[in-house]
PDB file of N, CA and C in Angstrom:
ATOM      1  N   MET A   1     -23.776 -34.331 146.171  1.00  0.00           N
ATOM      2  CA  MET A   1     -22.572 -35.071 145.971  1.00  0.00           C
ATOM      3  C   MET A   1     -22.025 -35.556 147.301  1.00  0.00           C
ATOM      4  N   LYS A   2     -21.836 -36.858 147.356  1.00  0.00           N
ATOM      5  CA  LYS A   2     -21.254 -37.430 148.638  1.00  0.00           C
ATOM      6  C   LYS A   2     -19.807 -37.685 148.487  1.00  0.00           C
ATOM      7  N   LEU A   3     -19.064 -37.357 149.547  1.00  0.00           N
ATOM      8  CA  LEU A   3     -17.636 -37.608 149.553  1.00  0.00           C
ATOM      9  C   LEU A   3     -17.389 -38.664 150.688  1.00  0.00           C
ATOM     10  N   SER A   4     -16.614 -39.636 150.381  1.00  0.00           N
ATOM     11  CA  SER A   4     -16.302 -40.648 151.351  1.00  0.00           C
ATOM     12  C   SER A   4     -15.371 -40.089 152.356  1.00  0.00           C
ATOM     13  N   ALA A   5     -15.285 -40.722 153.525  1.00  0.00           N
ATOM     14  CA  ALA A   5     -14.310 -40.261 154.575  1.00  0.00           C
ATOM     15  C   ALA A   5     -12.892 -40.305 154.115  1.00  0.00           C
ATOM     16  N   GLN A   6     -12.583 -41.333 153.320  1.00  0.00           N
ATOM     17  CA  GLN A   6     -11.181 -41.408 152.766  1.00  0.00           C
ATOM     18  C   GLN A   6     -10.867 -40.276 151.815  1.00  0.00           C
ATOM     19  N   MET A   7     -11.834 -39.952 150.963  1.00  0.00           N
ATOM     20  CA  MET A   7     -11.601 -38.858 150.008  1.00  0.00           C
ATOM     21  C   MET A   7     -11.494 -37.529 150.768  1.00  0.00           C
ATOM     22  N   THR A   8     -12.289 -37.291 151.734  1.00  0.00           N
ATOM     23  CA  THR A   8     -12.208 -36.065 152.476  1.00  0.00           C
ATOM     24  C   THR A   8     -10.878 -35.989 153.259  1.00  0.00           C
ATOM     25  N   MET A   9     -10.430 -37.123 153.711  1.00  0.00           N
ATOM     26  CA  MET A   9      -9.091 -37.146 154.426  1.00  0.00           C
ATOM     27  C   MET A   9      -8.017 -36.757 153.432  1.00  0.00           C
ATOM     28  N   VAL A  10      -8.030 -37.268 152.261  1.00  0.00           N
ATOM     29  CA  VAL A  10      -6.946 -36.983 151.264  1.00  0.00           C
ATOM     30  C   VAL A  10      -7.044 -35.542 150.824  1.00  0.00           C
ATOM     31  N   ILE A  11      -8.262 -35.051 150.526  1.00  0.00           N
ATOM     32  CA  ILE A  11      -8.377 -33.633 150.099  1.00  0.00           C
ATOM     33  C   ILE A  11      -7.987 -32.721 151.173  1.00  0.00           C
ATOM     34  N   GLY A  12      -8.367 -33.001 152.463  1.00  0.00           N
ATOM     35  CA  GLY A  12      -8.003 -32.177 153.600  1.00  0.00           C
ATOM     36  C   GLY A  12      -6.482 -32.169 153.771  1.00  0.00           C
ATOM     37  N   ALA A  13      -5.862 -33.320 153.637  1.00  0.00           N
ATOM     38  CA  ALA A  13      -4.373 -33.342 153.786  1.00  0.00           C
ATOM     39  C   ALA A  13      -3.632 -32.585 152.718  1.00  0.00           C
ATOM     40  N   ILE A  14      -4.133 -32.659 151.465  1.00  0.00           N
ATOM     41  CA  ILE A  14      -3.509 -31.949 150.371  1.00  0.00           C
ATOM     42  C   ILE A  14      -3.714 -30.441 150.590  1.00  0.00           C
ATOM     43  N   PHE A  15      -4.908 -30.032 150.913  1.00  0.00           N
ATOM     44  CA  PHE A  15      -5.191 -28.610 151.245  1.00  0.00           C
ATOM     45  C   PHE A  15      -4.267 -28.121 152.361  1.00  0.00           C
ATOM     46  N   ALA A  16      -4.187 -28.905 153.408  1.00  0.00           N
ATOM     47  CA  ALA A  16      -3.336 -28.504 154.573  1.00  0.00           C
ATOM     48  C   ALA A  16      -1.877 -28.285 154.145  1.00  0.00           C
ATOM     49  N   VAL A  17      -1.309 -29.226 153.394  1.00  0.00           N
ATOM     50  CA  VAL A  17       0.051 -29.136 152.894  1.00  0.00           C
ATOM     51  C   VAL A  17       0.237 -27.867 152.069  1.00  0.00           C
ATOM     52  N   ILE A  18      -0.655 -27.622 151.158  1.00  0.00           N
ATOM     53  CA  ILE A  18      -0.517 -26.428 150.270  1.00  0.00           C
ATOM     54  C   ILE A  18      -0.585 -25.151 151.146  1.00  0.00           C
ATOM     55  N   CYS A  19      -1.490 -25.098 152.147  1.00  0.00           N
ATOM     56  CA  CYS A  19      -1.629 -23.953 152.973  1.00  0.00           C
ATOM     57  C   CYS A  19      -0.364 -23.761 153.851  1.00  0.00           C
ATOM     58  N   PHE A  20       0.135 -24.825 154.364  1.00  0.00           N
ATOM     59  CA  PHE A  20       1.386 -24.646 155.201  1.00  0.00           C
ATOM     60  C   PHE A  20       2.569 -24.275 154.355  1.00  0.00           C
ATOM     61  N   VAL A  21       2.624 -24.720 153.132  1.00  0.00           N
ATOM     62  CA  VAL A  21       3.725 -24.304 152.238  1.00  0.00           C
ATOM     63  C   VAL A  21       3.697 -22.792 152.010  1.00  0.00           C
ATOM     64  N   VAL A  22       2.461 -22.245 151.737  1.00  0.00           N
ATOM     65  CA  VAL A  22       2.284 -20.819 151.486  1.00  0.00           C
ATOM     66  C   VAL A  22       2.643 -20.048 152.776  1.00  0.00           C
ATOM     67  N   ALA A  23       2.230 -20.560 153.900  1.00  0.00           N
ATOM     68  CA  ALA A  23       2.516 -19.916 155.112  1.00  0.00           C
ATOM     69  C   ALA A  23       4.027 -19.891 155.423  1.00  0.00           C
ATOM     70  N   ILE A  24       4.678 -20.940 155.199  1.00  0.00           N
ATOM     71  CA  ILE A  24       6.111 -21.016 155.501  1.00  0.00           C
ATOM     72  C   ILE A  24       6.884 -20.124 154.542  1.00  0.00           C
ATOM     73  N   ARG A  25       6.459 -20.041 153.240  1.00  0.00           N
ATOM     74  CA  ARG A  25       7.105 -19.121 152.319  1.00  0.00           C
ATOM     75  C   ARG A  25       6.951 -17.662 152.755  1.00  0.00           C
ATOM     76  N   GLY A  26       5.754 -17.342 153.297  1.00  0.00           N
ATOM     77  CA  GLY A  26       5.528 -15.997 153.801  1.00  0.00           C
ATOM     78  C   GLY A  26       6.380 -15.684 154.985  1.00  0.00           C
ATOM     79  N   PHE A  27       6.455 -16.610 155.955  1.00  0.00           N
ATOM     80  CA  PHE A  27       7.344 -16.366 157.084  1.00  0.00           C
ATOM     81  C   PHE A  27       8.762 -16.261 156.736  1.00  0.00           C
ATOM     82  N   MET A  28       9.204 -17.040 155.736  1.00  0.00           N
ATOM     83  CA  MET A  28      10.639 -16.938 155.301  1.00  0.00           C
ATOM     84  C   MET A  28      10.908 -15.637 154.654  1.00  0.00           C
ATOM     85  N   ALA A  29       9.957 -14.988 154.013  1.00  0.00           N
ATOM     86  CA  ALA A  29      10.095 -13.746 153.325  1.00  0.00           C
ATOM     87  C   ALA A  29      10.212 -12.579 154.259  1.00  0.00           C
ATOM     88  N   LEU A  30       9.775 -12.771 155.539  1.00  0.00           N
ATOM     89  CA  LEU A  30       9.774 -11.649 156.512  1.00  0.00           C
ATOM     90  C   LEU A  30      11.177 -11.078 156.732  1.00  0.00           C
ATOM     91  N   GLY A  31      12.201 -11.903 156.657  1.00  0.00           N
ATOM     92  CA  GLY A  31      13.515 -11.371 156.880  1.00  0.00           C
ATOM     93  C   GLY A  31      14.036 -10.418 155.778  1.00  0.00           C
ATOM     94  N   GLU A  32      13.423 -10.470 154.604  1.00  0.00           N
ATOM     95  CA  GLU A  32      13.867  -9.633 153.471  1.00  0.00           C
ATOM     96  C   GLU A  32      13.110  -8.361 153.383  1.00  0.00           C
ATOM     97  N   ILE A  33      11.993  -8.188 154.125  1.00  0.00           N
ATOM     98  CA  ILE A  33      11.107  -7.069 154.037  1.00  0.00           C
ATOM     99  C   ILE A  33      11.589  -5.998 155.023  1.00  0.00           C
ATOM    100  N   THR A  34      11.775  -4.748 154.510  1.00  0.00           N
ATOM    101  CA  THR A  34      12.239  -3.638 155.357  1.00  0.00           C
ATOM    102  C   THR A  34      11.169  -2.709 155.829  1.00  0.00           C
ATOM    103  N   ASP A  35      10.077  -2.627 155.079  1.00  0.00           N
ATOM    104  CA  ASP A  35       8.970  -1.713 155.486  1.00  0.00           C
ATOM    105  C   ASP A  35       8.152  -2.410 156.531  1.00  0.00           C
ATOM    106  N   PRO A  36       7.995  -1.713 157.745  1.00  0.00           N
ATOM    107  CA  PRO A  36       7.270  -2.355 158.846  1.00  0.00           C
ATOM    108  C   PRO A  36       5.829  -2.682 158.481  1.00  0.00           C
ATOM    109  N   GLN A  37       5.129  -1.820 157.685  1.00  0.00           N
ATOM    110  CA  GLN A  37       3.747  -2.090 157.353  1.00  0.00           C
ATOM    111  C   GLN A  37       3.628  -3.331 156.443  1.00  0.00           C
ATOM    112  N   VAL A  38       4.515  -3.446 155.507  1.00  0.00           N
ATOM    113  CA  VAL A  38       4.485  -4.635 154.571  1.00  0.00           C
ATOM    114  C   VAL A  38       4.843  -5.876 155.409  1.00  0.00           C
ATOM    115  N   ALA A  39       5.802  -5.783 156.302  1.00  0.00           N
ATOM    116  CA  ALA A  39       6.128  -6.930 157.177  1.00  0.00           C
ATOM    117  C   ALA A  39       4.960  -7.381 158.014  1.00  0.00           C
ATOM    118  N   SER A  40       4.234  -6.395 158.592  1.00  0.00           N
ATOM    119  CA  SER A  40       3.091  -6.758 159.376  1.00  0.00           C
ATOM    120  C   SER A  40       1.991  -7.424 158.549  1.00  0.00           C
ATOM    121  N   ASP A  41       1.779  -6.880 157.340  1.00  0.00           N
ATOM    122  CA  ASP A  41       0.779  -7.439 156.447  1.00  0.00           C
ATOM    123  C   ASP A  41       1.189  -8.865 156.000  1.00  0.00           C
ATOM    124  N   THR A  42       2.469  -9.080 155.756  1.00  0.00           N
ATOM    125  CA  THR A  42       3.018 -10.419 155.373  1.00  0.00           C
ATOM    126  C   THR A  42       2.842 -11.411 156.478  1.00  0.00           C
ATOM    127  N   GLN A  43       3.095 -10.944 157.697  1.00  0.00           N
ATOM    128  CA  GLN A  43       2.963 -11.806 158.837  1.00  0.00           C
ATOM    129  C   GLN A  43       1.459 -12.245 159.058  1.00  0.00           C
ATOM    130  N   GLY A  44       0.587 -11.278 158.975  1.00  0.00           N
ATOM    131  CA  GLY A  44      -0.801 -11.526 159.020  1.00  0.00           C
ATOM    132  C   GLY A  44      -1.288 -12.532 157.948  1.00  0.00           C
ATOM    133  N   PHE A  45      -0.845 -12.326 156.729  1.00  0.00           N
ATOM    134  CA  PHE A  45      -1.164 -13.179 155.643  1.00  0.00           C
ATOM    135  C   PHE A  45      -0.631 -14.585 155.873  1.00  0.00           C
ATOM    136  N   SER A  46       0.567 -14.698 156.372  1.00  0.00           N
ATOM    137  CA  SER A  46       1.161 -16.033 156.695  1.00  0.00           C
ATOM    138  C   SER A  46       0.386 -16.728 157.802  1.00  0.00           C
ATOM    139  N   LEU A  47      -0.012 -16.006 158.839  1.00  0.00           N
ATOM    140  CA  LEU A  47      -0.716 -16.570 159.928  1.00  0.00           C
ATOM    141  C   LEU A  47      -2.149 -17.044 159.457  1.00  0.00           C
ATOM    142  N   PHE A  48      -2.723 -16.279 158.544  1.00  0.00           N
ATOM    143  CA  PHE A  48      -3.996 -16.756 157.935  1.00  0.00           C
ATOM    144  C   PHE A  48      -3.827 -18.052 157.254  1.00  0.00           C
ATOM    145  N   TRP A  49      -2.789 -18.213 156.410  1.00  0.00           N
ATOM    146  CA  TRP A  49      -2.643 -19.430 155.688  1.00  0.00           C
ATOM    147  C   TRP A  49      -2.299 -20.550 156.609  1.00  0.00           C
ATOM    148  N   ALA A  50      -1.555 -20.293 157.722  1.00  0.00           N
ATOM    149  CA  ALA A  50      -1.233 -21.315 158.724  1.00  0.00           C
ATOM    150  C   ALA A  50      -2.556 -21.748 159.390  1.00  0.00           C
ATOM    151  N   PHE A  51      -3.450 -20.823 159.674  1.00  0.00           N
ATOM    152  CA  PHE A  51      -4.770 -21.174 160.217  1.00  0.00           C
ATOM    153  C   PHE A  51      -5.546 -22.021 159.256  1.00  0.00           C
ATOM    154  N   LEU A  52      -5.571 -21.716 158.004  1.00  0.00           N
ATOM    155  CA  LEU A  52      -6.246 -22.533 156.983  1.00  0.00           C
ATOM    156  C   LEU A  52      -5.661 -23.939 156.954  1.00  0.00           C
ATOM    157  N   GLY A  53      -4.364 -24.024 157.031  1.00  0.00           N
ATOM    158  CA  GLY A  53      -3.706 -25.313 157.070  1.00  0.00           C
ATOM    159  C   GLY A  53      -4.140 -26.154 158.298  1.00  0.00           C
ATOM    160  N   ALA A  54      -4.226 -25.484 159.426  1.00  0.00           N
ATOM    161  CA  ALA A  54      -4.683 -26.169 160.580  1.00  0.00           C
ATOM    162  C   ALA A  54      -6.143 -26.658 160.494  1.00  0.00           C
ATOM    163  N   VAL A  55      -6.943 -25.866 159.846  1.00  0.00           N
ATOM    164  CA  VAL A  55      -8.345 -26.262 159.633  1.00  0.00           C
ATOM    165  C   VAL A  55      -8.355 -27.495 158.673  1.00  0.00           C
ATOM    166  N   GLY A  56      -7.598 -27.492 157.568  1.00  0.00           N
ATOM    167  CA  GLY A  56      -7.493 -28.552 156.705  1.00  0.00           C
ATOM    168  C   GLY A  56      -7.022 -29.799 157.384  1.00  0.00           C
ATOM    169  N   ALA A  57      -5.985 -29.716 158.254  1.00  0.00           N
ATOM    170  CA  ALA A  57      -5.428 -30.804 158.961  1.00  0.00           C
ATOM    171  C   ALA A  57      -6.437 -31.349 159.963  1.00  0.00           C
ATOM    172  N   THR A  58      -7.191 -30.479 160.558  1.00  0.00           N
ATOM    173  CA  THR A  58      -8.244 -30.940 161.530  1.00  0.00           C
ATOM    174  C   THR A  58      -9.330 -31.744 160.823  1.00  0.00           C
ATOM    175  N   PHE A  59      -9.784 -31.245 159.676  1.00  0.00           N
ATOM    176  CA  PHE A  59     -10.820 -31.978 158.905  1.00  0.00           C
ATOM    177  C   PHE A  59     -10.259 -33.277 158.462  1.00  0.00           C
ATOM    178  N   SER A  60      -9.046 -33.304 158.018  1.00  0.00           N
ATOM    179  CA  SER A  60      -8.425 -34.565 157.593  1.00  0.00           C
ATOM    180  C   SER A  60      -8.324 -35.569 158.731  1.00  0.00           C
ATOM    181  N   GLY A  61      -7.971 -35.067 159.892  1.00  0.00           N
ATOM    182  CA  GLY A  61      -7.911 -35.913 161.097  1.00  0.00           C
ATOM    183  C   GLY A  61      -9.259 -36.473 161.537  1.00  0.00           C
ATOM    184  N   VAL A  62     -10.303 -35.642 161.466  1.00  0.00           N
ATOM    185  CA  VAL A  62     -11.630 -36.019 161.829  1.00  0.00           C
ATOM    186  C   VAL A  62     -12.078 -37.076 160.791  1.00  0.00           C
ATOM    187  N   SER A  63     -11.825 -36.860 159.537  1.00  0.00           N
ATOM    188  CA  SER A  63     -12.230 -37.825 158.556  1.00  0.00           C
ATOM    189  C   SER A  63     -11.509 -39.163 158.718  1.00  0.00           C
ATOM    190  N   TRP A  64     -10.270 -39.119 159.072  1.00  0.00           N
ATOM    191  CA  TRP A  64      -9.539 -40.343 159.405  1.00  0.00           C
ATOM    192  C   TRP A  64     -10.196 -41.091 160.600  1.00  0.00           C
ATOM    193  N   TRP A  65     -10.543 -40.333 161.577  1.00  0.00           N
ATOM    194  CA  TRP A  65     -11.155 -40.916 162.802  1.00  0.00           C
ATOM    195  C   TRP A  65     -12.517 -41.545 162.442  1.00  0.00           C
ATOM    196  N   ILE A  66     -13.313 -40.860 161.624  1.00  0.00           N
ATOM    197  CA  ILE A  66     -14.584 -41.365 161.191  1.00  0.00           C
ATOM    198  C   ILE A  66     -14.390 -42.625 160.390  1.00  0.00           C
ATOM    199  N   ALA A  67     -13.437 -42.685 159.472  1.00  0.00           N
ATOM    200  CA  ALA A  67     -13.217 -43.869 158.662  1.00  0.00           C
ATOM    201  C   ALA A  67     -12.763 -45.053 159.521  1.00  0.00           C
ATOM    202  N   ARG A  68     -12.010 -44.808 160.574  1.00  0.00           N
ATOM    203  CA  ARG A  68     -11.551 -45.902 161.440  1.00  0.00           C
ATOM    204  C   ARG A  68     -12.678 -46.439 162.357  1.00  0.00           C
ATOM    205  N   THR A  69     -13.538 -45.537 162.801  1.00  0.00           N
ATOM    206  CA  THR A  69     -14.600 -45.956 163.760  1.00  0.00           C
ATOM    207  C   THR A  69     -15.914 -46.367 163.078  1.00  0.00           C
ATOM    208  N   GLU A  70     -15.977 -46.236 161.746  1.00  0.00           N
ATOM    209  CA  GLU A  70     -17.146 -46.638 161.054  1.00  0.00           C
ATOM    210  C   GLU A  70     -17.439 -48.154 161.202  1.00  0.00           C
ATOM    211  N   LYS A  71     -18.656 -48.488 161.563  1.00  0.00           N
ATOM    212  CA  LYS A  71     -19.002 -49.874 161.754  1.00  0.00           C
ATOM    213  C   LYS A  71     -19.807 -50.398 160.521  1.00  0.00           C
ATOM    214  N   GLY A  72     -19.116 -51.141 159.719  1.00  0.00           N
ATOM    215  CA  GLY A  72     -19.763 -51.802 158.537  1.00  0.00           C
ATOM    216  C   GLY A  72     -20.297 -50.810 157.507  1.00  0.00           C
ATOM    217  N   ASP A  73     -21.075 -51.327 156.599  1.00  0.00           N
ATOM    218  CA  ASP A  73     -21.639 -50.539 155.491  1.00  0.00           C
ATOM    219  C   ASP A  73     -23.069 -50.198 155.779  1.00  0.00           C
ATOM    220  N   ARG A  74     -23.338 -48.905 155.961  1.00  0.00           N
ATOM    221  CA  ARG A  74     -24.716 -48.448 156.257  1.00  0.00           C
ATOM    222  C   ARG A  74     -25.327 -47.915 154.908  1.00  0.00           C
ATOM    223  N   GLY A  75     -26.089 -48.662 154.333  1.00  0.00           N
ATOM    224  CA  GLY A  75     -26.490 -48.128 153.029  1.00  0.00           C
ATOM    225  C   GLY A  75     -27.810 -48.463 152.664  1.00  0.00           C
TER     226      GLY A  75
END
């Protein structure tokens, strides 16, 4: 299955937004957690989702760059 650069860009951007939303919700919940172990786990979980969002945003940016620099139709 082939994905176009534009489709990869859109999928990467949607994935990044979803991951960043999950990460932000986790970071916002840290203020309400009283148990230090649970707070540490929540912070790690949120950082993991922020990392996934960064990966999605990177792939989306690379796909955008590929789509812009592509020279004609190679087929």
